[in-house]
Amino acid sequence: ALDALMILARTVPDLIISDIHMPHMDGYAFVRHVRAAERT
């Protein structure tokens, strides 16, 4: 999820496909970050 957030800082995709169980930040927290950022 951390790598994904770095990618999202550079570009905005048309759709995201994500797992839930991941190290450091799970899918739930990742989606909350995506929804909290205005550009994504």
PDB file of all heavy atoms in Angstrom:
ATOM      1  N   ALA A   1       0.831  -1.201   0.000  1.00  0.00           N
ATOM      2  CA  ALA A   1       0.000   0.000   0.000  1.00  0.00           C
ATOM      3  C   ALA A   1       0.867   1.254   0.000  1.00  0.00           C
ATOM      4  O   ALA A   1       0.526   2.261  -0.624  1.00  0.00           O
ATOM      5  CB  ALA A   1      -0.932  -0.006   1.201  1.00  0.00           C
ATOM      6  N   LEU A   2       2.000   1.195   0.694  1.00  0.00           N
ATOM      7  CA  LEU A   2       2.897   2.352   0.742  1.00  0.00           C
ATOM      8  C   LEU A   2       3.467   2.648  -0.644  1.00  0.00           C
ATOM      9  O   LEU A   2       3.552   3.813  -1.053  1.00  0.00           O
ATOM     10  CB  LEU A   2       4.026   2.115   1.749  1.00  0.00           C
ATOM     11  CG  LEU A   2       3.590   1.947   3.215  1.00  0.00           C
ATOM     12  CD1 LEU A   2       4.801   1.686   4.113  1.00  0.00           C
ATOM     13  CD2 LEU A   2       2.844   3.194   3.689  1.00  0.00           C
ATOM     14  N   ASP A   3       3.856   1.593  -1.375  1.00  0.00           N
ATOM     15  CA  ASP A   3       4.333   1.788  -2.748  1.00  0.00           C
ATOM     16  C   ASP A   3       3.221   2.363  -3.613  1.00  0.00           C
ATOM     17  O   ASP A   3       3.454   3.219  -4.472  1.00  0.00           O
ATOM     18  CB  ASP A   3       4.808   0.456  -3.347  1.00  0.00           C
ATOM     19  CG  ASP A   3       6.116  -0.016  -2.737  1.00  0.00           C
ATOM     20  OD1 ASP A   3       6.821   0.821  -2.117  1.00  0.00           O
ATOM     21  OD2 ASP A   3       6.440  -1.208  -2.876  1.00  0.00           O
ATOM     22  N   ALA A   4       2.004   1.891  -3.391  1.00  0.00           N
ATOM     23  CA  ALA A   4       0.862   2.376  -4.175  1.00  0.00           C
ATOM     24  C   ALA A   4       0.624   3.861  -3.927  1.00  0.00           C
ATOM     25  O   ALA A   4       0.322   4.620  -4.860  1.00  0.00           O
ATOM     26  CB  ALA A   4      -0.389   1.570  -3.834  1.00  0.00           C
ATOM     27  N   LEU A   5       0.748   4.287  -2.669  1.00  0.00           N
ATOM     28  CA  LEU A   5       0.545   5.704  -2.361  1.00  0.00           C
ATOM     29  C   LEU A   5       1.610   6.563  -3.035  1.00  0.00           C
ATOM     30  O   LEU A   5       1.325   7.700  -3.460  1.00  0.00           O
ATOM     31  CB  LEU A   5       0.573   5.919  -0.845  1.00  0.00           C
ATOM     32  CG  LEU A   5      -0.629   5.350  -0.077  1.00  0.00           C
ATOM     33  CD1 LEU A   5      -0.433   5.528   1.423  1.00  0.00           C
ATOM     34  CD2 LEU A   5      -1.929   6.008  -0.529  1.00  0.00           C
ATOM     35  N   MET A   6       2.815   6.047  -3.176  1.00  0.00           N
ATOM     36  CA  MET A   6       3.869   6.783  -3.879  1.00  0.00           C
ATOM     37  C   MET A   6       3.520   6.920  -5.364  1.00  0.00           C
ATOM     38  O   MET A   6       3.742   7.964  -5.966  1.00  0.00           O
ATOM     39  CB  MET A   6       5.213   6.073  -3.699  1.00  0.00           C
ATOM     40  CG  MET A   6       5.744   6.096  -2.272  1.00  0.00           C
ATOM     41  SD  MET A   6       7.312   5.209  -2.079  1.00  0.00           S
ATOM     42  CE  MET A   6       8.377   6.200  -3.134  1.00  0.00           C
ATOM     43  N   ILE A   7       2.946   5.860  -5.931  1.00  0.00           N
ATOM     44  CA  ILE A   7       2.521   5.925  -7.335  1.00  0.00           C
ATOM     45  C   ILE A   7       1.393   6.933  -7.496  1.00  0.00           C
ATOM     46  O   ILE A   7       1.369   7.734  -8.438  1.00  0.00           O
ATOM     47  CB  ILE A   7       2.081   4.529  -7.826  1.00  0.00           C
ATOM     48  CG1 ILE A   7       3.282   3.583  -7.891  1.00  0.00           C
ATOM     49  CG2 ILE A   7       1.384   4.615  -9.184  1.00  0.00           C
ATOM     50  CD1 ILE A   7       2.928   2.153  -8.228  1.00  0.00           C
ATOM     51  N   LEU A   8       0.444   6.923  -6.548  1.00  0.00           N
ATOM     52  CA  LEU A   8      -0.694   7.843  -6.617  1.00  0.00           C
ATOM     53  C   LEU A   8      -0.268   9.298  -6.459  1.00  0.00           C
ATOM     54  O   LEU A   8      -0.978  10.205  -6.905  1.00  0.00           O
ATOM     55  CB  LEU A   8      -1.723   7.490  -5.542  1.00  0.00           C
ATOM     56  CG  LEU A   8      -2.440   6.152  -5.718  1.00  0.00           C
ATOM     57  CD1 LEU A   8      -3.360   5.884  -4.536  1.00  0.00           C
ATOM     58  CD2 LEU A   8      -3.236   6.139  -7.021  1.00  0.00           C
ATOM     59  N   ALA A   9       0.868   9.525  -5.840  1.00  0.00           N
ATOM     60  CA  ALA A   9       1.381  10.889  -5.721  1.00  0.00           C
ATOM     61  C   ALA A   9       1.858  11.412  -7.073  1.00  0.00           C
ATOM     62  O   ALA A   9       1.917  12.628  -7.290  1.00  0.00           O
ATOM     63  CB  ALA A   9       2.522  10.938  -4.704  1.00  0.00           C
ATOM     64  N   ARG A  10       2.162  10.480  -8.003  1.00  0.00           N
ATOM     65  CA  ARG A  10       2.654  10.870  -9.327  1.00  0.00           C
ATOM     66  C   ARG A  10       1.579  10.835 -10.398  1.00  0.00           C
ATOM     67  O   ARG A  10       1.612  11.614 -11.353  1.00  0.00           O
ATOM     68  CB  ARG A  10       3.811   9.957  -9.757  1.00  0.00           C
ATOM     69  CG  ARG A  10       4.993   9.955  -8.813  1.00  0.00           C
ATOM     70  CD  ARG A  10       6.185   9.254  -9.437  1.00  0.00           C
ATOM     71  NE  ARG A  10       5.887   7.886  -9.817  1.00  0.00           N
ATOM     72  CZ  ARG A  10       6.092   6.836  -9.024  1.00  0.00           C
ATOM     73  NH1 ARG A  10       6.577   7.011  -7.791  1.00  0.00           N
ATOM     74  NH2 ARG A  10       5.827   5.605  -9.435  1.00  0.00           N
ATOM     75  N   THR A  11       0.637   9.913 -10.264  1.00  0.00           N
ATOM     76  CA  THR A  11      -0.377   9.745 -11.307  1.00  0.00           C
ATOM     77  C   THR A  11      -1.666   9.223 -10.701  1.00  0.00           C
ATOM     78  O   THR A  11      -1.636   8.546  -9.661  1.00  0.00           O
ATOM     79  CB  THR A  11       0.116   8.769 -12.395  1.00  0.00           C
ATOM     80  OG1 THR A  11      -0.835   8.693 -13.453  1.00  0.00           O
ATOM     81  CG2 THR A  11       0.326   7.365 -11.831  1.00  0.00           C
ATOM     82  N   VAL A  12      -2.787   9.520 -11.339  1.00  0.00           N
ATOM     83  CA  VAL A  12      -4.092   9.058 -10.862  1.00  0.00           C
ATOM     84  C   VAL A  12      -4.640   8.032 -11.853  1.00  0.00           C
ATOM     85  O   VAL A  12      -4.927   8.374 -12.998  1.00  0.00           O
ATOM     86  CB  VAL A  12      -5.091  10.226 -10.713  1.00  0.00           C
ATOM     87  CG1 VAL A  12      -6.458   9.704 -10.262  1.00  0.00           C
ATOM     88  CG2 VAL A  12      -4.559  11.260  -9.729  1.00  0.00           C
ATOM     89  N   PRO A  13      -4.789   6.771 -11.436  1.00  0.00           N
ATOM     90  CA  PRO A  13      -5.318   5.745 -12.336  1.00  0.00           C
ATOM     91  C   PRO A  13      -6.829   5.871 -12.490  1.00  0.00           C
ATOM     92  O   PRO A  13      -7.485   6.609 -11.749  1.00  0.00           O
ATOM     93  CB  PRO A  13      -4.954   4.440 -11.624  1.00  0.00           C
ATOM     94  CG  PRO A  13      -4.984   4.815 -10.169  1.00  0.00           C
ATOM     95  CD  PRO A  13      -4.472   6.229 -10.107  1.00  0.00           C
ATOM     96  N   ASP A  14      -7.370   5.154 -13.456  1.00  0.00           N
ATOM     97  CA  ASP A  14      -8.820   5.135 -13.654  1.00  0.00           C
ATOM     98  C   ASP A  14      -9.508   4.189 -12.683  1.00  0.00           C
ATOM     99  O   ASP A  14     -10.705   4.336 -12.410  1.00  0.00           O
ATOM    100  CB  ASP A  14      -9.144   4.725 -15.093  1.00  0.00           C
ATOM    101  CG  ASP A  14      -8.641   5.742 -16.103  1.00  0.00           C
ATOM    102  OD1 ASP A  14      -9.172   6.857 -16.115  1.00  0.00           O
ATOM    103  OD2 ASP A  14      -7.703   5.420 -16.858  1.00  0.00           O
ATOM    104  N   LEU A  15      -8.750   3.206 -12.151  1.00  0.00           N
ATOM    105  CA  LEU A  15      -9.324   2.234 -11.216  1.00  0.00           C
ATOM    106  C   LEU A  15      -8.196   1.555 -10.453  1.00  0.00           C
ATOM    107  O   LEU A  15      -7.099   1.367 -10.991  1.00  0.00           O
ATOM    108  CB  LEU A  15     -10.160   1.201 -11.981  1.00  0.00           C
ATOM    109  CG  LEU A  15     -10.905   0.138 -11.167  1.00  0.00           C
ATOM    110  CD1 LEU A  15     -12.284  -0.149 -11.780  1.00  0.00           C
ATOM    111  CD2 LEU A  15     -10.104  -1.176 -11.126  1.00  0.00           C
ATOM    112  N   ILE A  16      -8.473   1.203  -9.198  1.00  0.00           N
ATOM    113  CA  ILE A  16      -7.491   0.525  -8.354  1.00  0.00           C
ATOM    114  C   ILE A  16      -8.020  -0.846  -7.958  1.00  0.00           C
ATOM    115  O   ILE A  16      -9.190  -0.991  -7.600  1.00  0.00           O
ATOM    116  CB  ILE A  16      -7.204   1.339  -7.073  1.00  0.00           C
ATOM    117  CG1 ILE A  16      -6.598   2.707  -7.421  1.00  0.00           C
ATOM    118  CG2 ILE A  16      -6.265   0.569  -6.136  1.00  0.00           C
ATOM    119  CD1 ILE A  16      -6.522   3.643  -6.231  1.00  0.00           C
ATOM    120  N   ILE A  17      -7.148  -1.860  -8.039  1.00  0.00           N
ATOM    121  CA  ILE A  17      -7.469  -3.216  -7.567  1.00  0.00           C
ATOM    122  C   ILE A  17      -6.493  -3.519  -6.442  1.00  0.00           C
ATOM    123  O   ILE A  17      -5.277  -3.450  -6.633  1.00  0.00           O
ATOM    124  CB  ILE A  17      -7.313  -4.246  -8.696  1.00  0.00           C
ATOM    125  CG1 ILE A  17      -8.253  -3.907  -9.862  1.00  0.00           C
ATOM    126  CG2 ILE A  17      -7.591  -5.659  -8.174  1.00  0.00           C
ATOM    127  CD1 ILE A  17      -7.971  -4.714 -11.115  1.00  0.00           C
ATOM    128  N   SER A  18      -7.005  -3.851  -5.254  1.00  0.00           N
ATOM    129  CA  SER A  18      -6.114  -4.009  -4.101  1.00  0.00           C
ATOM    130  C   SER A  18      -6.458  -5.234  -3.265  1.00  0.00           C
ATOM    131  O   SER A  18      -7.630  -5.605  -3.134  1.00  0.00           O
ATOM    132  CB  SER A  18      -6.184  -2.754  -3.217  1.00  0.00           C
ATOM    133  OG  SER A  18      -5.394  -2.902  -2.047  1.00  0.00           O
ATOM    134  N   ASP A  19      -5.416  -5.820  -2.716  1.00  0.00           N
ATOM    135  CA  ASP A  19      -5.585  -6.860  -1.702  1.00  0.00           C
ATOM    136  C   ASP A  19      -5.895  -6.174  -0.364  1.00  0.00           C
ATOM    137  O   ASP A  19      -5.772  -4.953  -0.235  1.00  0.00           O
ATOM    138  CB  ASP A  19      -4.294  -7.672  -1.605  1.00  0.00           C
ATOM    139  CG  ASP A  19      -4.455  -8.943  -0.784  1.00  0.00           C
ATOM    140  OD1 ASP A  19      -5.605  -9.270  -0.424  1.00  0.00           O
ATOM    141  OD2 ASP A  19      -3.438  -9.594  -0.495  1.00  0.00           O
ATOM    142  N   ILE A  20      -6.310  -6.945   0.632  1.00  0.00           N
ATOM    143  CA  ILE A  20      -6.540  -6.392   1.973  1.00  0.00           C
ATOM    144  C   ILE A  20      -5.345  -6.668   2.875  1.00  0.00           C
ATOM    145  O   ILE A  20      -4.780  -5.750   3.477  1.00  0.00           O
ATOM    146  CB  ILE A  20      -7.814  -6.985   2.607  1.00  0.00           C
ATOM    147  CG1 ILE A  20      -9.055  -6.522   1.844  1.00  0.00           C
ATOM    148  CG2 ILE A  20      -7.908  -6.558   4.073  1.00  0.00           C
ATOM    149  CD1 ILE A  20     -10.350  -7.105   2.389  1.00  0.00           C
ATOM    150  N   HIS A  21      -4.943  -7.955   2.975  1.00  0.00           N
ATOM    151  CA  HIS A  21      -3.878  -8.328   3.901  1.00  0.00           C
ATOM    152  C   HIS A  21      -2.526  -8.029   3.265  1.00  0.00           C
ATOM    153  O   HIS A  21      -2.073  -8.736   2.364  1.00  0.00           O
ATOM    154  CB  HIS A  21      -3.974  -9.808   4.259  1.00  0.00           C
ATOM    155  CG  HIS A  21      -2.961 -10.245   5.264  1.00  0.00           C
ATOM    156  ND1 HIS A  21      -2.958  -9.799   6.569  1.00  0.00           N
ATOM    157  CD2 HIS A  21      -1.888 -11.064   5.144  1.00  0.00           C
ATOM    158  CE1 HIS A  21      -1.952 -10.344   7.217  1.00  0.00           C
ATOM    159  NE2 HIS A  21      -1.282 -11.113   6.371  1.00  0.00           N
ATOM    160  N   MET A  22      -1.877  -6.935   3.715  1.00  0.00           N
ATOM    161  CA  MET A  22      -0.559  -6.533   3.218  1.00  0.00           C
ATOM    162  C   MET A  22       0.252  -5.997   4.391  1.00  0.00           C
ATOM    163  O   MET A  22      -0.310  -5.503   5.368  1.00  0.00           O
ATOM    164  CB  MET A  22      -0.695  -5.456   2.129  1.00  0.00           C
ATOM    165  CG  MET A  22      -1.401  -5.926   0.861  1.00  0.00           C
ATOM    166  SD  MET A  22      -1.521  -4.624  -0.398  1.00  0.00           S
ATOM    167  CE  MET A  22      -2.745  -3.529   0.368  1.00  0.00           C
ATOM    168  N   PRO A  23       1.591  -6.086   4.327  1.00  0.00           N
ATOM    169  CA  PRO A  23       2.430  -5.604   5.436  1.00  0.00           C
ATOM    170  C   PRO A  23       2.407  -4.082   5.550  1.00  0.00           C
ATOM    171  O   PRO A  23       2.175  -3.377   4.566  1.00  0.00           O
ATOM    172  CB  PRO A  23       3.827  -6.109   5.054  1.00  0.00           C
ATOM    173  CG  PRO A  23       3.784  -6.237   3.560  1.00  0.00           C
ATOM    174  CD  PRO A  23       2.387  -6.678   3.238  1.00  0.00           C
ATOM    175  N   HIS A  24       2.629  -3.588   6.766  1.00  0.00           N
ATOM    176  CA  HIS A  24       2.773  -2.160   7.072  1.00  0.00           C
ATOM    177  C   HIS A  24       1.445  -1.392   7.014  1.00  0.00           C
ATOM    178  O   HIS A  24       1.122  -0.639   7.921  1.00  0.00           O
ATOM    179  CB  HIS A  24       3.799  -1.495   6.151  1.00  0.00           C
ATOM    180  CG  HIS A  24       5.111  -2.206   6.102  1.00  0.00           C
ATOM    181  ND1 HIS A  24       5.879  -2.428   7.230  1.00  0.00           N
ATOM    182  CD2 HIS A  24       5.781  -2.780   5.055  1.00  0.00           C
ATOM    183  CE1 HIS A  24       6.975  -3.083   6.883  1.00  0.00           C
ATOM    184  NE2 HIS A  24       6.941  -3.322   5.580  1.00  0.00           N
ATOM    185  N   MET A  25       0.699  -1.551   5.927  1.00  0.00           N
ATOM    186  CA  MET A  25      -0.601  -0.894   5.818  1.00  0.00           C
ATOM    187  C   MET A  25      -1.554  -1.833   5.093  1.00  0.00           C
ATOM    188  O   MET A  25      -1.285  -2.273   3.976  1.00  0.00           O
ATOM    189  CB  MET A  25      -0.494   0.421   5.035  1.00  0.00           C
ATOM    190  CG  MET A  25      -1.835   1.149   4.861  1.00  0.00           C
ATOM    191  SD  MET A  25      -1.718   2.606   3.778  1.00  0.00           S
ATOM    192  CE  MET A  25      -0.676   3.665   4.765  1.00  0.00           C
ATOM    193  N   ASP A  26      -2.693  -2.171   5.720  1.00  0.00           N
ATOM    194  CA  ASP A  26      -3.615  -3.099   5.072  1.00  0.00           C
ATOM    195  C   ASP A  26      -4.512  -2.361   4.069  1.00  0.00           C
ATOM    196  O   ASP A  26      -4.461  -1.130   3.936  1.00  0.00           O
ATOM    197  CB  ASP A  26      -4.444  -3.871   6.095  1.00  0.00           C
ATOM    198  CG  ASP A  26      -5.389  -2.979   6.912  1.00  0.00           C
ATOM    199  OD1 ASP A  26      -5.667  -1.836   6.498  1.00  0.00           O
ATOM    200  OD2 ASP A  26      -5.857  -3.439   7.969  1.00  0.00           O
ATOM    201  N   GLY A  27      -5.330  -3.131   3.360  1.00  0.00           N
ATOM    202  CA  GLY A  27      -6.174  -2.559   2.323  1.00  0.00           C
ATOM    203  C   GLY A  27      -7.190  -1.558   2.835  1.00  0.00           C
ATOM    204  O   GLY A  27      -7.506  -0.574   2.154  1.00  0.00           O
ATOM    205  N   TYR A  28      -7.705  -1.798   4.025  1.00  0.00           N
ATOM    206  CA  TYR A  28      -8.695  -0.873   4.593  1.00  0.00           C
ATOM    207  C   TYR A  28      -8.087   0.524   4.798  1.00  0.00           C
ATOM    208  O   TYR A  28      -8.669   1.541   4.411  1.00  0.00           O
ATOM    209  CB  TYR A  28      -9.220  -1.397   5.925  1.00  0.00           C
ATOM    210  CG  TYR A  28      -9.829  -2.771   5.873  1.00  0.00           C
ATOM    211  CD1 TYR A  28      -9.330  -3.806   6.640  1.00  0.00           C
ATOM    212  CD2 TYR A  28     -10.927  -3.036   5.048  1.00  0.00           C
ATOM    213  CE1 TYR A  28      -9.879  -5.077   6.600  1.00  0.00           C
ATOM    214  CE2 TYR A  28     -11.497  -4.303   4.998  1.00  0.00           C
ATOM    215  CZ  TYR A  28     -10.962  -5.320   5.777  1.00  0.00           C
ATOM    216  OH  TYR A  28     -11.519  -6.573   5.733  1.00  0.00           O
ATOM    217  N   ALA A  29      -6.911   0.551   5.426  1.00  0.00           N
ATOM    218  CA  ALA A  29      -6.240   1.833   5.660  1.00  0.00           C
ATOM    219  C   ALA A  29      -5.858   2.484   4.341  1.00  0.00           C
ATOM    220  O   ALA A  29      -5.952   3.708   4.184  1.00  0.00           O
ATOM    221  CB  ALA A  29      -5.000   1.627   6.526  1.00  0.00           C
ATOM    222  N   PHE A  30      -5.426   1.669   3.372  1.00  0.00           N
ATOM    223  CA  PHE A  30      -5.054   2.194   2.055  1.00  0.00           C
ATOM    224  C   PHE A  30      -6.243   2.886   1.389  1.00  0.00           C
ATOM    225  O   PHE A  30      -6.128   4.004   0.877  1.00  0.00           O
ATOM    226  CB  PHE A  30      -4.535   1.052   1.183  1.00  0.00           C
ATOM    227  CG  PHE A  30      -4.328   1.430  -0.258  1.00  0.00           C
ATOM    228  CD1 PHE A  30      -3.450   2.449  -0.612  1.00  0.00           C
ATOM    229  CD2 PHE A  30      -5.018   0.766  -1.266  1.00  0.00           C
ATOM    230  CE1 PHE A  30      -3.260   2.799  -1.948  1.00  0.00           C
ATOM    231  CE2 PHE A  30      -4.843   1.097  -2.590  1.00  0.00           C
ATOM    232  CZ  PHE A  30      -3.960   2.111  -2.938  1.00  0.00           C
ATOM    233  N   VAL A  31      -7.399   2.225   1.405  1.00  0.00           N
ATOM    234  CA  VAL A  31      -8.586   2.814   0.772  1.00  0.00           C
ATOM    235  C   VAL A  31      -8.994   4.099   1.480  1.00  0.00           C
ATOM    236  O   VAL A  31      -9.413   5.069   0.835  1.00  0.00           O
ATOM    237  CB  VAL A  31      -9.750   1.802   0.748  1.00  0.00           C
ATOM    238  CG1 VAL A  31     -11.032   2.462   0.242  1.00  0.00           C
ATOM    239  CG2 VAL A  31      -9.397   0.624  -0.143  1.00  0.00           C
ATOM    240  N   ARG A  32      -8.868   4.117   2.794  1.00  0.00           N
ATOM    241  CA  ARG A  32      -9.213   5.350   3.519  1.00  0.00           C
ATOM    242  C   ARG A  32      -8.299   6.498   3.099  1.00  0.00           C
ATOM    243  O   ARG A  32      -8.747   7.646   2.976  1.00  0.00           O
ATOM    244  CB  ARG A  32      -9.145   5.108   5.031  1.00  0.00           C
ATOM    245  CG  ARG A  32     -10.337   4.296   5.564  1.00  0.00           C
ATOM    246  CD  ARG A  32     -10.400   4.343   7.076  1.00  0.00           C
ATOM    247  NE  ARG A  32      -9.342   3.560   7.684  1.00  0.00           N
ATOM    248  CZ  ARG A  32      -9.455   2.266   8.003  1.00  0.00           C
ATOM    249  NH1 ARG A  32     -10.576   1.611   7.764  1.00  0.00           N
ATOM    250  NH2 ARG A  32      -8.449   1.622   8.563  1.00  0.00           N
ATOM    251  N   HIS A  33      -7.017   6.204   2.848  1.00  0.00           N
ATOM    252  CA  HIS A  33      -6.098   7.228   2.342  1.00  0.00           C
ATOM    253  C   HIS A  33      -6.534   7.701   0.955  1.00  0.00           C
ATOM    254  O   HIS A  33      -6.511   8.899   0.666  1.00  0.00           O
ATOM    255  CB  HIS A  33      -4.675   6.673   2.270  1.00  0.00           C
ATOM    256  CG  HIS A  33      -3.894   6.787   3.548  1.00  0.00           C
ATOM    257  ND1 HIS A  33      -4.082   5.942   4.614  1.00  0.00           N
ATOM    258  CD2 HIS A  33      -2.936   7.667   3.926  1.00  0.00           C
ATOM    259  CE1 HIS A  33      -3.262   6.273   5.604  1.00  0.00           C
ATOM    260  NE2 HIS A  33      -2.556   7.321   5.210  1.00  0.00           N
ATOM    261  N   VAL A  34      -6.916   6.745   0.109  1.00  0.00           N
ATOM    262  CA  VAL A  34      -7.351   7.082  -1.252  1.00  0.00           C
ATOM    263  C   VAL A  34      -8.574   7.990  -1.208  1.00  0.00           C
ATOM    264  O   VAL A  34      -8.656   9.001  -1.918  1.00  0.00           O
ATOM    265  CB  VAL A  34      -7.666   5.796  -2.048  1.00  0.00           C
ATOM    266  CG1 VAL A  34      -8.353   6.133  -3.377  1.00  0.00           C
ATOM    267  CG2 VAL A  34      -6.391   5.003  -2.311  1.00  0.00           C
ATOM    268  N   ARG A  35      -9.534   7.652  -0.367  1.00  0.00           N
ATOM    269  CA  ARG A  35     -10.772   8.425  -0.287  1.00  0.00           C
ATOM    270  C   ARG A  35     -10.553   9.800   0.372  1.00  0.00           C
ATOM    271  O   ARG A  35     -11.280  10.742   0.095  1.00  0.00           O
ATOM    272  CB  ARG A  35     -11.825   7.638   0.503  1.00  0.00           C
ATOM    273  CG  ARG A  35     -12.311   6.387  -0.222  1.00  0.00           C
ATOM    274  CD  ARG A  35     -13.174   6.758  -1.406  1.00  0.00           C
ATOM    275  NE  ARG A  35     -13.534   5.577  -2.201  1.00  0.00           N
ATOM    276  CZ  ARG A  35     -13.038   5.317  -3.402  1.00  0.00           C
ATOM    277  NH1 ARG A  35     -12.189   6.173  -3.960  1.00  0.00           N
ATOM    278  NH2 ARG A  35     -13.396   4.251  -4.066  1.00  0.00           N
ATOM    279  N   ALA A  36      -9.540   9.892   1.233  1.00  0.00           N
ATOM    280  CA  ALA A  36      -9.303  11.152   1.941  1.00  0.00           C
ATOM    281  C   ALA A  36      -8.603  12.191   1.080  1.00  0.00           C
ATOM    282  O   ALA A  36      -8.709  13.390   1.336  1.00  0.00           O
ATOM    283  CB  ALA A  36      -8.479  10.903   3.202  1.00  0.00           C
ATOM    284  N   ALA A  37      -7.884  11.734   0.034  1.00  0.00           N
ATOM    285  CA  ALA A  37      -7.156  12.661  -0.839  1.00  0.00           C
ATOM    286  C   ALA A  37      -8.084  13.176  -1.935  1.00  0.00           C
ATOM    287  O   ALA A  37      -8.762  12.388  -2.606  1.00  0.00           O
ATOM    288  CB  ALA A  37      -5.948  11.961  -1.460  1.00  0.00           C
ATOM    289  N   GLU A  38      -8.122  14.476  -2.128  1.00  0.00           N
ATOM    290  CA  GLU A  38      -9.050  15.071  -3.090  1.00  0.00           C
ATOM    291  C   GLU A  38      -8.831  14.552  -4.506  1.00  0.00           C
ATOM    292  O   GLU A  38      -9.796  14.282  -5.225  1.00  0.00           O
ATOM    293  CB  GLU A  38      -8.888  16.603  -3.071  1.00  0.00           C
ATOM    294  CG  GLU A  38      -9.856  17.334  -3.994  1.00  0.00           C
ATOM    295  CD  GLU A  38      -9.720  18.840  -3.888  1.00  0.00           C
ATOM    296  OE1 GLU A  38      -8.984  19.314  -3.004  1.00  0.00           O
ATOM    297  OE2 GLU A  38     -10.353  19.551  -4.697  1.00  0.00           O
ATOM    298  N   ARG A  39      -7.572  14.365  -4.918  1.00  0.00           N
ATOM    299  CA  ARG A  39      -7.294  13.972  -6.309  1.00  0.00           C
ATOM    300  C   ARG A  39      -7.654  12.512  -6.586  1.00  0.00           C
ATOM    301  O   ARG A  39      -7.808  12.121  -7.743  1.00  0.00           O
ATOM    302  CB  ARG A  39      -5.833  14.255  -6.660  1.00  0.00           C
ATOM    303  CG  ARG A  39      -4.828  13.448  -5.870  1.00  0.00           C
ATOM    304  CD  ARG A  39      -3.439  14.082  -5.920  1.00  0.00           C
ATOM    305  NE  ARG A  39      -2.959  14.238  -7.285  1.00  0.00           N
ATOM    306  CZ  ARG A  39      -2.162  13.363  -7.888  1.00  0.00           C
ATOM    307  NH1 ARG A  39      -1.804  12.247  -7.261  1.00  0.00           N
ATOM    308  NH2 ARG A  39      -1.735  13.576  -9.111  1.00  0.00           N
ATOM    309  N   THR A  40      -7.776  11.680  -5.541  1.00  0.00           N
ATOM    310  CA  THR A  40      -8.105  10.268  -5.763  1.00  0.00           C
ATOM    311  C   THR A  40      -9.437   9.863  -5.142  1.00  0.00           C
ATOM    312  O   THR A  40      -9.803   8.688  -5.196  1.00  0.00           O
ATOM    313  CB  THR A  40      -6.998   9.362  -5.185  1.00  0.00           C
ATOM    314  OG1 THR A  40      -6.845   9.626  -3.774  1.00  0.00           O
ATOM    315  CG2 THR A  40      -5.670   9.608  -5.888  1.00  0.00           C
TER     316      THR A  40
END
